[in-house]
Full PDB file with SEQRES, HELIX, SHEET, SSBOND, CRYST1, ORIGX, SCALE, CONECT and MASTER records, all heavy atoms in Angstrom:
SEQRES   1 A   33  LEU GLN PRO GLY VAL THR PRO GLY GLY PHE THR ALA GLY          
SEQRES   2 A   33  ALA ILE ASN ASP GLN ASN THR PHE THR LEU ASP GLY GLY          
SEQRES   3 A   33  ASN ASN SER ASP ASP MET SER                                  
HELIX    1 AA1 ASN A   16  GLN A   18  5                                   3    
SHEET    1 AA1 2 THR A  22  LEU A  23  0                                        
SHEET    2 AA1 2 GLY A  26  ASN A  27 -1                                        
CRYST1    1.000    1.000    1.000  90.00  90.00  90.00 P 1           1          
ORIGX1      1.000000  0.000000  0.000000        0.00000                         
ORIGX2      0.000000  1.000000  0.000000        0.00000                         
ORIGX3      0.000000  0.000000  1.000000        0.00000                         
SCALE1      1.000000  0.000000  0.000000        0.00000                         
SCALE2      0.000000  1.000000  0.000000        0.00000                         
SCALE3      0.000000  0.000000  1.000000        0.00000                         
ATOM      1  N   LEU A   1     -79.192 137.118-180.941  1.00  0.00           N  
ATOM      2  CA  LEU A   1     -79.531 138.171-181.824  1.00  0.00           C  
ATOM      3  C   LEU A   1     -80.683 139.023-181.319  1.00  0.00           C  
ATOM      4  O   LEU A   1     -81.026 140.068-181.897  1.00  0.00           O  
ATOM      5  CB  LEU A   1     -79.896 137.633-183.221  1.00  0.00           C  
ATOM      6  CG  LEU A   1     -78.811 136.872-183.935  1.00  0.00           C  
ATOM      7  CD1 LEU A   1     -79.340 136.378-185.296  1.00  0.00           C  
ATOM      8  CD2 LEU A   1     -77.548 137.671-184.100  1.00  0.00           C  
ATOM      9  N   GLN A   2     -81.337 138.579-180.233  1.00  0.00           N  
ATOM     10  CA  GLN A   2     -82.478 139.320-179.716  1.00  0.00           C  
ATOM     11  C   GLN A   2     -82.036 140.556-178.923  1.00  0.00           C  
ATOM     12  O   GLN A   2     -80.988 140.542-178.303  1.00  0.00           O  
ATOM     13  CB  GLN A   2     -83.277 138.381-178.760  1.00  0.00           C  
ATOM     14  CG  GLN A   2     -83.648 137.071-179.369  1.00  0.00           C  
ATOM     15  CD  GLN A   2     -84.461 137.222-180.660  1.00  0.00           C  
ATOM     16  OE1 GLN A   2     -85.359 138.038-180.710  1.00  0.00           O  
ATOM     17  NE2 GLN A   2     -84.064 136.494-181.692  1.00  0.00           N  
ATOM     18  N   PRO A   3     -82.817 141.610-178.925  1.00  0.00           N  
ATOM     19  CA  PRO A   3     -82.495 142.795-178.166  1.00  0.00           C  
ATOM     20  C   PRO A   3     -82.418 142.469-176.662  1.00  0.00           C  
ATOM     21  O   PRO A   3     -83.258 141.715-176.155  1.00  0.00           O  
ATOM     22  CB  PRO A   3     -83.664 143.748-178.450  1.00  0.00           C  
ATOM     23  CG  PRO A   3     -84.235 143.301-179.758  1.00  0.00           C  
ATOM     24  CD  PRO A   3     -84.042 141.830-179.795  1.00  0.00           C  
ATOM     25  N   GLY A   4     -81.382 142.959-176.019  1.00  0.00           N  
ATOM     26  CA  GLY A   4     -81.231 142.763-174.597  1.00  0.00           C  
ATOM     27  C   GLY A   4     -80.460 141.491-174.274  1.00  0.00           C  
ATOM     28  O   GLY A   4     -80.307 141.168-173.088  1.00  0.00           O  
ATOM     29  N   VAL A   5     -79.956 140.762-175.300  1.00  0.00           N  
ATOM     30  CA  VAL A   5     -79.172 139.550-175.035  1.00  0.00           C  
ATOM     31  C   VAL A   5     -77.719 139.773-175.469  1.00  0.00           C  
ATOM     32  O   VAL A   5     -77.482 140.240-176.583  1.00  0.00           O  
ATOM     33  CB  VAL A   5     -79.759 138.353-175.801  1.00  0.00           C  
ATOM     34  CG1 VAL A   5     -78.973 137.055-175.531  1.00  0.00           C  
ATOM     35  CG2 VAL A   5     -81.209 138.169-175.454  1.00  0.00           C  
ATOM     36  N   THR A   6     -76.788 139.478-174.617  1.00  0.00           N  
ATOM     37  CA  THR A   6     -75.359 139.673-174.924  1.00  0.00           C  
ATOM     38  C   THR A   6     -74.859 138.486-175.746  1.00  0.00           C  
ATOM     39  O   THR A   6     -75.481 137.412-175.771  1.00  0.00           O  
ATOM     40  CB  THR A   6     -74.539 139.769-173.638  1.00  0.00           C  
ATOM     41  OG1 THR A   6     -74.503 138.500-172.972  1.00  0.00           O  
ATOM     42  CG2 THR A   6     -75.119 140.823-172.714  1.00  0.00           C  
ATOM     43  N   PRO A   7     -73.682 138.591-176.430  1.00  0.00           N  
ATOM     44  CA  PRO A   7     -73.122 137.463-177.131  1.00  0.00           C  
ATOM     45  C   PRO A   7     -72.882 136.213-176.294  1.00  0.00           C  
ATOM     46  O   PRO A   7     -72.821 135.109-176.821  1.00  0.00           O  
ATOM     47  CB  PRO A   7     -71.811 138.012-177.700  1.00  0.00           C  
ATOM     48  CG  PRO A   7     -72.067 139.484-177.808  1.00  0.00           C  
ATOM     49  CD  PRO A   7     -72.917 139.821-176.658  1.00  0.00           C  
ATOM     50  N   GLY A   8     -72.691 136.385-174.970  1.00  0.00           N  
ATOM     51  CA  GLY A   8     -72.541 135.243-174.108  1.00  0.00           C  
ATOM     52  C   GLY A   8     -73.827 134.654-173.580  1.00  0.00           C  
ATOM     53  O   GLY A   8     -73.805 133.722-172.765  1.00  0.00           O  
ATOM     54  N   GLY A   9     -74.987 135.209-173.998  1.00  0.00           N  
ATOM     55  CA  GLY A   9     -76.281 134.687-173.580  1.00  0.00           C  
ATOM     56  C   GLY A   9     -76.886 135.281-172.318  1.00  0.00           C  
ATOM     57  O   GLY A   9     -77.863 134.815-171.825  1.00  0.00           O  
ATOM     58  N   PHE A  10     -76.303 136.421-171.839  1.00  0.00           N  
ATOM     59  CA  PHE A  10     -76.861 137.083-170.690  1.00  0.00           C  
ATOM     60  C   PHE A  10     -78.097 137.912-171.154  1.00  0.00           C  
ATOM     61  O   PHE A  10     -77.951 138.745-172.049  1.00  0.00           O  
ATOM     62  CB  PHE A  10     -75.866 137.952-170.016  1.00  0.00           C  
ATOM     63  CG  PHE A  10     -74.681 137.179-169.361  1.00  0.00           C  
ATOM     64  CD1 PHE A  10     -73.652 136.762-170.157  1.00  0.00           C  
ATOM     65  CD2 PHE A  10     -74.689 136.905-168.011  1.00  0.00           C  
ATOM     66  CE1 PHE A  10     -72.592 136.001-169.603  1.00  0.00           C  
ATOM     67  CE2 PHE A  10     -73.655 136.181-167.469  1.00  0.00           C  
ATOM     68  CZ  PHE A  10     -72.608 135.740-168.252  1.00  0.00           C  
ATOM     69  N   THR A  11     -79.227 137.694-170.519  1.00  0.00           N  
ATOM     70  CA  THR A  11     -80.474 138.329-170.943  1.00  0.00           C  
ATOM     71  C   THR A  11     -80.908 139.344-169.901  1.00  0.00           C  
ATOM     72  O   THR A  11     -81.251 138.954-168.765  1.00  0.00           O  
ATOM     73  CB  THR A  11     -81.561 137.287-171.191  1.00  0.00           C  
ATOM     74  OG1 THR A  11     -81.126 136.365-172.144  1.00  0.00           O  
ATOM     75  CG2 THR A  11     -82.849 137.972-171.665  1.00  0.00           C  
ATOM     76  N   ALA A  12     -80.947 140.594-170.301  1.00  0.00           N  
ATOM     77  CA  ALA A  12     -81.439 141.687-169.431  1.00  0.00           C  
ATOM     78  C   ALA A  12     -80.807 141.629-168.022  1.00  0.00           C  
ATOM     79  O   ALA A  12     -81.493 141.795-167.027  1.00  0.00           O  
ATOM     80  CB  ALA A  12     -82.977 141.628-169.325  1.00  0.00           C  
ATOM     81  N   GLY A  13     -79.554 141.303-167.958  1.00  0.00           N  
ATOM     82  CA  GLY A  13     -78.849 141.238-166.676  1.00  0.00           C  
ATOM     83  C   GLY A  13     -78.850 139.887-166.038  1.00  0.00           C  
ATOM     84  O   GLY A  13     -78.117 139.652-165.024  1.00  0.00           O  
ATOM     85  N   ALA A  14     -79.670 138.938-166.546  1.00  0.00           N  
ATOM     86  CA  ALA A  14     -79.723 137.603-165.964  1.00  0.00           C  
ATOM     87  C   ALA A  14     -78.585 136.739-166.551  1.00  0.00           C  
ATOM     88  O   ALA A  14     -78.307 136.799-167.709  1.00  0.00           O  
ATOM     89  CB  ALA A  14     -81.067 136.938-166.254  1.00  0.00           C  
ATOM     90  N   ILE A  15     -77.929 135.952-165.671  1.00  0.00           N  
ATOM     91  CA  ILE A  15     -76.822 135.124-166.113  1.00  0.00           C  
ATOM     92  C   ILE A  15     -77.335 134.042-167.057  1.00  0.00           C  
ATOM     93  O   ILE A  15     -78.496 133.665-167.029  1.00  0.00           O  
ATOM     94  CB  ILE A  15     -76.106 134.464-164.905  1.00  0.00           C  
ATOM     95  CG1 ILE A  15     -74.750 133.899-165.329  1.00  0.00           C  
ATOM     96  CG2 ILE A  15     -76.986 133.412-164.270  1.00  0.00           C  
ATOM     97  CD1 ILE A  15     -73.897 133.473-164.159  1.00  0.00           C  
ATOM     98  N   ASN A  16     -76.445 133.579-167.955  1.00  0.00           N  
ATOM     99  CA  ASN A  16     -76.886 132.725-169.025  1.00  0.00           C  
ATOM    100  C   ASN A  16     -77.326 131.324-168.575  1.00  0.00           C  
ATOM    101  O   ASN A  16     -77.889 130.579-169.392  1.00  0.00           O  
ATOM    102  CB  ASN A  16     -75.822 132.597-170.138  1.00  0.00           C  
ATOM    103  CG  ASN A  16     -74.477 132.246-169.587  1.00  0.00           C  
ATOM    104  OD1 ASN A  16     -74.330 131.889-168.418  1.00  0.00           O  
ATOM    105  ND2 ASN A  16     -73.467 132.355-170.402  1.00  0.00           N  
ATOM    106  N   ASP A  17     -77.069 130.943-167.343  1.00  0.00           N  
ATOM    107  CA  ASP A  17     -77.606 129.631-166.925  1.00  0.00           C  
ATOM    108  C   ASP A  17     -79.101 129.754-166.510  1.00  0.00           C  
ATOM    109  O   ASP A  17     -79.696 128.765-166.105  1.00  0.00           O  
ATOM    110  CB  ASP A  17     -76.769 129.045-165.790  1.00  0.00           C  
ATOM    111  CG  ASP A  17     -76.872 129.845-164.485  1.00  0.00           C  
ATOM    112  OD1 ASP A  17     -77.540 130.888-164.485  1.00  0.00           O  
ATOM    113  OD2 ASP A  17     -76.253 129.423-163.474  1.00  0.00           O  
ATOM    114  N   GLN A  18     -79.678 130.941-166.652  1.00  0.00           N  
ATOM    115  CA  GLN A  18     -81.080 131.152-166.387  1.00  0.00           C  
ATOM    116  C   GLN A  18     -81.912 131.115-167.686  1.00  0.00           C  
ATOM    117  O   GLN A  18     -83.089 131.392-167.667  1.00  0.00           O  
ATOM    118  CB  GLN A  18     -81.292 132.490-165.693  1.00  0.00           C  
ATOM    119  CG  GLN A  18     -80.759 132.552-164.262  1.00  0.00           C  
ATOM    120  CD  GLN A  18     -81.489 131.566-163.378  1.00  0.00           C  
ATOM    121  OE1 GLN A  18     -82.736 131.526-163.323  1.00  0.00           O  
ATOM    122  NE2 GLN A  18     -80.715 130.701-162.709  1.00  0.00           N  
ATOM    123  N   ASN A  19     -81.282 130.750-168.772  1.00  0.00           N  
ATOM    124  CA  ASN A  19     -82.044 130.587-170.031  1.00  0.00           C  
ATOM    125  C   ASN A  19     -82.715 129.217-170.054  1.00  0.00           C  
ATOM    126  O   ASN A  19     -82.155 128.217-169.628  1.00  0.00           O  
ATOM    127  CB  ASN A  19     -81.103 130.721-171.228  1.00  0.00           C  
ATOM    128  CG  ASN A  19     -80.446 132.063-171.307  1.00  0.00           C  
ATOM    129  OD1 ASN A  19     -81.056 133.064-170.925  1.00  0.00           O  
ATOM    130  ND2 ASN A  19     -79.234 132.134-171.806  1.00  0.00           N  
ATOM    131  N   THR A  20     -83.950 129.158-170.577  1.00  0.00           N  
ATOM    132  CA  THR A  20     -84.714 127.972-170.706  1.00  0.00           C  
ATOM    133  C   THR A  20     -84.893 127.603-172.126  1.00  0.00           C  
ATOM    134  O   THR A  20     -85.297 128.476-172.960  1.00  0.00           O  
ATOM    135  CB  THR A  20     -86.067 128.103-170.003  1.00  0.00           C  
ATOM    136  OG1 THR A  20     -85.890 128.411-168.613  1.00  0.00           O  
ATOM    137  CG2 THR A  20     -86.893 126.859-170.116  1.00  0.00           C  
ATOM    138  N   PHE A  21     -84.689 126.342-172.488  1.00  0.00           N  
ATOM    139  CA  PHE A  21     -84.868 125.865-173.860  1.00  0.00           C  
ATOM    140  C   PHE A  21     -85.910 124.767-173.882  1.00  0.00           C  
ATOM    141  O   PHE A  21     -85.847 123.830-173.066  1.00  0.00           O  
ATOM    142  CB  PHE A  21     -83.534 125.306-174.419  1.00  0.00           C  
ATOM    143  CG  PHE A  21     -82.456 126.344-174.522  1.00  0.00           C  
ATOM    144  CD1 PHE A  21     -81.627 126.646-173.442  1.00  0.00           C  
ATOM    145  CD2 PHE A  21     -82.227 127.040-175.703  1.00  0.00           C  
ATOM    146  CE1 PHE A  21     -80.634 127.611-173.546  1.00  0.00           C  
ATOM    147  CE2 PHE A  21     -81.242 128.005-175.804  1.00  0.00           C  
ATOM    148  CZ  PHE A  21     -80.450 128.271-174.708  1.00  0.00           C  
ATOM    149  N   THR A  22     -86.874 124.871-174.751  1.00  0.00           N  
ATOM    150  CA  THR A  22     -87.832 123.801-174.991  1.00  0.00           C  
ATOM    151  C   THR A  22     -87.838 123.392-176.425  1.00  0.00           C  
ATOM    152  O   THR A  22     -87.669 124.228-177.330  1.00  0.00           O  
ATOM    153  CB  THR A  22     -89.264 124.246-174.560  1.00  0.00           C  
ATOM    154  OG1 THR A  22     -89.690 125.282-175.413  1.00  0.00           O  
ATOM    155  CG2 THR A  22     -89.334 124.642-173.120  1.00  0.00           C  
ATOM    156  N   LEU A  23     -87.992 122.106-176.663  1.00  0.00           N  
ATOM    157  CA  LEU A  23     -87.985 121.538-178.009  1.00  0.00           C  
ATOM    158  C   LEU A  23     -89.229 120.647-178.148  1.00  0.00           C  
ATOM    159  O   LEU A  23     -89.361 119.657-177.439  1.00  0.00           O  
ATOM    160  CB  LEU A  23     -86.715 120.730-178.266  1.00  0.00           C  
ATOM    161  CG  LEU A  23     -86.609 120.031-179.589  1.00  0.00           C  
ATOM    162  CD1 LEU A  23     -86.593 121.051-180.744  1.00  0.00           C  
ATOM    163  CD2 LEU A  23     -85.337 119.151-179.631  1.00  0.00           C  
ATOM    164  N   ASP A  24     -90.144 121.084-179.036  1.00  0.00           N  
ATOM    165  CA  ASP A  24     -91.393 120.332-179.239  1.00  0.00           C  
ATOM    166  C   ASP A  24     -92.153 120.148-177.920  1.00  0.00           C  
ATOM    167  O   ASP A  24     -92.746 119.089-177.673  1.00  0.00           O  
ATOM    168  CB  ASP A  24     -91.159 118.982-179.903  1.00  0.00           C  
ATOM    169  CG  ASP A  24     -90.638 119.164-181.333  1.00  0.00           C  
ATOM    170  OD1 ASP A  24     -91.009 120.131-181.973  1.00  0.00           O  
ATOM    171  OD2 ASP A  24     -89.890 118.280-181.796  1.00  0.00           O  
ATOM    172  N   GLY A  25     -92.035 121.141-177.011  1.00  0.00           N  
ATOM    173  CA  GLY A  25     -92.751 121.077-175.771  1.00  0.00           C  
ATOM    174  C   GLY A  25     -91.950 120.411-174.627  1.00  0.00           C  
ATOM    175  O   GLY A  25     -92.377 120.526-173.478  1.00  0.00           O  
ATOM    176  N   GLY A  26     -90.855 119.761-174.952  1.00  0.00           N  
ATOM    177  CA  GLY A  26     -90.043 119.139-173.904  1.00  0.00           C  
ATOM    178  C   GLY A  26     -88.900 120.029-173.458  1.00  0.00           C  
ATOM    179  O   GLY A  26     -88.400 120.842-174.222  1.00  0.00           O  
ATOM    180  N   ASN A  27     -88.516 119.879-172.201  1.00  0.00           N  
ATOM    181  CA  ASN A  27     -87.439 120.730-171.654  1.00  0.00           C  
ATOM    182  C   ASN A  27     -86.124 120.315-172.276  1.00  0.00           C  
ATOM    183  O   ASN A  27     -85.715 119.143-172.260  1.00  0.00           O  
ATOM    184  CB  ASN A  27     -87.390 120.508-170.135  1.00  0.00           C  
ATOM    185  CG  ASN A  27     -86.339 121.412-169.525  1.00  0.00           C  
ATOM    186  OD1 ASN A  27     -85.927 122.409-170.096  1.00  0.00           O  
ATOM    187  ND2 ASN A  27     -85.948 121.088-168.311  1.00  0.00           N  
ATOM    188  N   ASN A  28     -85.445 121.278-172.879  1.00  0.00           N  
ATOM    189  CA  ASN A  28     -84.157 121.037-173.499  1.00  0.00           C  
ATOM    190  C   ASN A  28     -83.046 121.734-172.764  1.00  0.00           C  
ATOM    191  O   ASN A  28     -81.929 121.933-173.287  1.00  0.00           O  
ATOM    192  CB  ASN A  28     -84.192 121.493-174.985  1.00  0.00           C  
ATOM    193  CG  ASN A  28     -83.029 120.942-175.792  1.00  0.00           C  
ATOM    194  OD1 ASN A  28     -82.607 119.811-175.536  1.00  0.00           O  
ATOM    195  ND2 ASN A  28     -82.564 121.683-176.773  1.00  0.00           N  
ATOM    196  N   SER A  29     -83.299 122.154-171.536  1.00  0.00           N  
ATOM    197  CA  SER A  29     -82.295 122.855-170.723  1.00  0.00           C  
ATOM    198  C   SER A  29     -81.532 121.812-169.888  1.00  0.00           C  
ATOM    199  O   SER A  29     -82.093 120.759-169.541  1.00  0.00           O  
ATOM    200  CB  SER A  29     -82.935 123.862-169.777  1.00  0.00           C  
ATOM    201  OG  SER A  29     -83.725 124.757-170.511  1.00  0.00           O  
ATOM    202  N   ASP A  30     -80.331 122.098-169.545  1.00  0.00           N  
ATOM    203  CA  ASP A  30     -79.529 121.247-168.706  1.00  0.00           C  
ATOM    204  C   ASP A  30     -79.700 121.697-167.254  1.00  0.00           C  
ATOM    205  O   ASP A  30     -78.997 122.518-166.770  1.00  0.00           O  
ATOM    206  CB  ASP A  30     -78.065 121.314-169.105  1.00  0.00           C  
ATOM    207  CG  ASP A  30     -77.204 120.231-168.439  1.00  0.00           C  
ATOM    208  OD1 ASP A  30     -77.744 119.572-167.487  1.00  0.00           O  
ATOM    209  OD2 ASP A  30     -76.088 119.993-168.858  1.00  0.00           O  
ATOM    210  N   ASP A  31     -80.695 121.085-166.602  1.00  0.00           N  
ATOM    211  CA  ASP A  31     -81.045 121.523-165.245  1.00  0.00           C  
ATOM    212  C   ASP A  31     -80.179 120.835-164.194  1.00  0.00           C  
ATOM    213  O   ASP A  31     -80.210 121.234-163.032  1.00  0.00           O  
ATOM    214  CB  ASP A  31     -82.498 121.179-164.956  1.00  0.00           C  
ATOM    215  CG  ASP A  31     -83.466 121.896-165.847  1.00  0.00           C  
ATOM    216  OD1 ASP A  31     -83.126 123.086-166.161  1.00  0.00           O  
ATOM    217  OD2 ASP A  31     -84.514 121.391-166.178  1.00  0.00           O  
ATOM    218  N   MET A  32     -79.373 119.860-164.604  1.00  0.00           N  
ATOM    219  CA  MET A  32     -78.551 119.124-163.616  1.00  0.00           C  
ATOM    220  C   MET A  32     -77.247 119.808-163.355  1.00  0.00           C  
ATOM    221  O   MET A  32     -76.767 119.930-162.239  1.00  0.00           O  
ATOM    222  CB  MET A  32     -78.350 117.695-164.064  1.00  0.00           C  
ATOM    223  CG  MET A  32     -79.640 116.897-164.221  1.00  0.00           C  
ATOM    224  SD  MET A  32     -80.520 116.749-162.629  1.00  0.00           S  
ATOM    225  CE  MET A  32     -79.372 115.773-161.709  1.00  0.00           C  
ATOM    226  N   SER A  33     -76.586 120.255-164.418  1.00  0.00           N  
ATOM    227  CA  SER A  33     -75.228 120.784-164.275  1.00  0.00           C  
ATOM    228  C   SER A  33     -75.233 122.271-163.947  1.00  0.00           C  
ATOM    229  O   SER A  33     -74.197 122.817-163.561  1.00  0.00           O  
ATOM    230  CB  SER A  33     -74.406 120.542-165.562  1.00  0.00           C  
ATOM    231  OG  SER A  33     -74.973 121.274-166.628  1.00  0.00           O  
TER     232      SER A  33                                                      
MASTER        0    0    0    1    2    0    0    6  231    1    0    3          
END                                                                             
């Protein structure tokens, strides 16, 4: 829903596997796959 983000998660031209998720300070991204 943020400006510059597509429905598939592409942010300002960056592919969606470049999104980073943190939960309570811990990394919640899947960095392995």
